[in-house]
Amino acid sequence: MKILAVCGLGQGTSLILRMNVETVLREMGVDADVEHIDVSAARSMNVDIIVTSQELSETLGTDTSAKVIIVNNYFDNAEIKNALSAAINN
């Protein structure tokens, strides 16, 4: 499974999100390749799941076939876990 952590510039915020996604996936026992990237580059990548904010998900629009997961607080591992669990189990 390939997952992208996406922010506006693909720098700091998406790196924090990626690290938290990796932590949550490890706790869940899910093996996945997680990368962080900017929203523009995310549009053209073939991935299973994109984790991002509500605002940036609207920027992605229909340019991606990935499941787009909305996370409001990139530091809240419980929120990330709930969102990932719902996406992975569906």
C-alpha atoms as a PDB file:
ATOM      1  CA  MET A   1       0.000   0.000   0.000  1.00  0.00           C
ATOM      2  CA  LYS A   2       1.266   3.454  -0.904  1.00  0.00           C
ATOM      3  CA  ILE A   3       0.235   6.497   1.127  1.00  0.00           C
ATOM      4  CA  LEU A   4       1.012  10.181   0.616  1.00  0.00           C
ATOM      5  CA  ALA A   5       1.060  12.801   3.370  1.00  0.00           C
ATOM      6  CA  VAL A   6       0.266  16.028   1.543  1.00  0.00           C
ATOM      7  CA  CYS A   7       0.665  19.704   2.432  1.00  0.00           C
ATOM      8  CA  GLY A   8       0.882  22.872   0.375  1.00  0.00           C
ATOM      9  CA  LEU A   9       4.639  22.909  -0.176  1.00  0.00           C
ATOM     10  CA  GLY A  10       5.613  19.323   0.669  1.00  0.00           C
ATOM     11  CA  GLN A  11       8.072  20.473   3.321  1.00  0.00           C
ATOM     12  CA  GLY A  12       7.545  20.652   7.078  1.00  0.00           C
ATOM     13  CA  THR A  13       3.864  20.001   7.677  1.00  0.00           C
ATOM     14  CA  SER A  14       3.677  16.965   5.416  1.00  0.00           C
ATOM     15  CA  LEU A  15       6.839  15.557   7.028  1.00  0.00           C
ATOM     16  CA  ILE A  16       5.217  15.793  10.469  1.00  0.00           C
ATOM     17  CA  LEU A  17       2.064  14.189   9.093  1.00  0.00           C
ATOM     18  CA  ARG A  18       4.090  11.409   7.447  1.00  0.00           C
ATOM     19  CA  MET A  19       5.877  10.593  10.692  1.00  0.00           C
ATOM     20  CA  ASN A  20       2.562  10.440  12.569  1.00  0.00           C
ATOM     21  CA  VAL A  21       0.951   8.305   9.849  1.00  0.00           C
ATOM     22  CA  GLU A  22       3.898   5.893  10.040  1.00  0.00           C
ATOM     23  CA  THR A  23       3.556   5.707  13.832  1.00  0.00           C
ATOM     24  CA  VAL A  24      -0.158   4.975  13.605  1.00  0.00           C
ATOM     25  CA  LEU A  25       0.305   2.363  10.874  1.00  0.00           C
ATOM     26  CA  ARG A  26       2.978   0.636  12.948  1.00  0.00           C
ATOM     27  CA  GLU A  27       0.590   0.521  15.923  1.00  0.00           C
ATOM     28  CA  MET A  28      -2.116  -0.906  13.638  1.00  0.00           C
ATOM     29  CA  GLY A  29       0.267  -3.518  12.230  1.00  0.00           C
ATOM     30  CA  VAL A  30      -0.187  -2.212   8.682  1.00  0.00           C
ATOM     31  CA  ASP A  31       2.728  -2.304   6.258  1.00  0.00           C
ATOM     32  CA  ALA A  32       2.747   0.690   3.912  1.00  0.00           C
ATOM     33  CA  ASP A  33       5.134   2.936   2.022  1.00  0.00           C
ATOM     34  CA  VAL A  34       4.509   6.509   3.218  1.00  0.00           C
ATOM     35  CA  GLU A  35       5.928   9.593   1.494  1.00  0.00           C
ATOM     36  CA  HIS A  36       5.416  13.318   2.026  1.00  0.00           C
ATOM     37  CA  ILE A  37       4.857  15.600  -0.926  1.00  0.00           C
ATOM     38  CA  ASP A  38       3.258  18.857  -2.076  1.00  0.00           C
ATOM     39  CA  VAL A  39      -0.306  18.987  -3.339  1.00  0.00           C
ATOM     40  CA  SER A  40       0.643  19.742  -6.965  1.00  0.00           C
ATOM     41  CA  ALA A  41       2.889  16.686  -7.279  1.00  0.00           C
ATOM     42  CA  ALA A  42       0.365  14.493  -5.445  1.00  0.00           C
ATOM     43  CA  ARG A  43      -2.127  14.927  -8.282  1.00  0.00           C
ATOM     44  CA  SER A  44       0.000  12.942 -10.710  1.00  0.00           C
ATOM     45  CA  MET A  45       1.077  10.126  -8.395  1.00  0.00           C
ATOM     46  CA  ASN A  46      -0.472   6.669  -8.444  1.00  0.00           C
ATOM     47  CA  VAL A  47      -1.140   5.887  -4.767  1.00  0.00           C
ATOM     48  CA  ASP A  48      -3.767   4.149  -2.649  1.00  0.00           C
ATOM     49  CA  ILE A  49      -4.381   6.808   0.002  1.00  0.00           C
ATOM     50  CA  ILE A  50      -3.720  10.539   0.345  1.00  0.00           C
ATOM     51  CA  VAL A  51      -3.823  12.074   3.831  1.00  0.00           C
ATOM     52  CA  THR A  52      -4.300  15.834   3.854  1.00  0.00           C
ATOM     53  CA  SER A  53      -6.375  18.760   5.147  1.00  0.00           C
ATOM     54  CA  GLN A  54      -9.892  19.644   4.011  1.00  0.00           C
ATOM     55  CA  GLU A  55      -8.636  22.707   2.140  1.00  0.00           C
ATOM     56  CA  LEU A  56      -6.004  20.784   0.194  1.00  0.00           C
ATOM     57  CA  SER A  57      -8.384  17.914  -0.556  1.00  0.00           C
ATOM     58  CA  GLU A  58     -10.519  20.427  -2.431  1.00  0.00           C
ATOM     59  CA  THR A  59      -7.428  21.439  -4.416  1.00  0.00           C
ATOM     60  CA  LEU A  60      -6.884  17.797  -5.421  1.00  0.00           C
ATOM     61  CA  GLY A  61     -10.413  17.619  -6.777  1.00  0.00           C
ATOM     62  CA  THR A  62     -10.923  14.699  -9.127  1.00  0.00           C
ATOM     63  CA  ASP A  63      -7.305  14.657 -10.273  1.00  0.00           C
ATOM     64  CA  THR A  64      -6.582  11.514  -8.259  1.00  0.00           C
ATOM     65  CA  SER A  65      -8.077   8.038  -7.993  1.00  0.00           C
ATOM     66  CA  ALA A  66      -6.684   7.607  -4.456  1.00  0.00           C
ATOM     67  CA  LYS A  67      -8.860   7.565  -1.359  1.00  0.00           C
ATOM     68  CA  VAL A  68      -8.459  11.030   0.138  1.00  0.00           C
ATOM     69  CA  ILE A  69      -8.461  11.123   3.936  1.00  0.00           C
ATOM     70  CA  ILE A  70      -9.101  14.403   5.728  1.00  0.00           C
ATOM     71  CA  VAL A  71      -7.151  15.115   8.923  1.00  0.00           C
ATOM     72  CA  ASN A  72      -7.786  18.387  10.735  1.00  0.00           C
ATOM     73  CA  ASN A  73      -5.024  18.061  13.337  1.00  0.00           C
ATOM     74  CA  TYR A  74      -1.788  16.579  11.984  1.00  0.00           C
ATOM     75  CA  PHE A  75      -0.556  16.082  15.567  1.00  0.00           C
ATOM     76  CA  ASP A  76      -3.586  14.055  16.720  1.00  0.00           C
ATOM     77  CA  ASN A  77      -2.656  10.394  16.282  1.00  0.00           C
ATOM     78  CA  ALA A  78      -6.121   9.274  17.430  1.00  0.00           C
ATOM     79  CA  GLU A  79      -7.743  11.293  14.629  1.00  0.00           C
ATOM     80  CA  ILE A  80      -5.219   9.947  12.121  1.00  0.00           C
ATOM     81  CA  LYS A  81      -5.848   6.386  13.312  1.00  0.00           C
ATOM     82  CA  ASN A  82      -9.626   6.743  13.019  1.00  0.00           C
ATOM     83  CA  ALA A  83      -9.345   8.165   9.509  1.00  0.00           C
ATOM     84  CA  LEU A  84      -6.859   5.521   8.322  1.00  0.00           C
ATOM     85  CA  SER A  85      -8.824   2.660   9.884  1.00  0.00           C
ATOM     86  CA  ALA A  86     -11.977   3.726   8.088  1.00  0.00           C
ATOM     87  CA  ALA A  87     -10.167   4.007   4.742  1.00  0.00           C
ATOM     88  CA  ILE A  88      -8.210   0.761   5.044  1.00  0.00           C
ATOM     89  CA  ASN A  89     -11.166  -1.318   6.237  1.00  0.00           C
ATOM     90  CA  ASN A  90     -13.503  -0.125   3.447  1.00  0.00           C
END
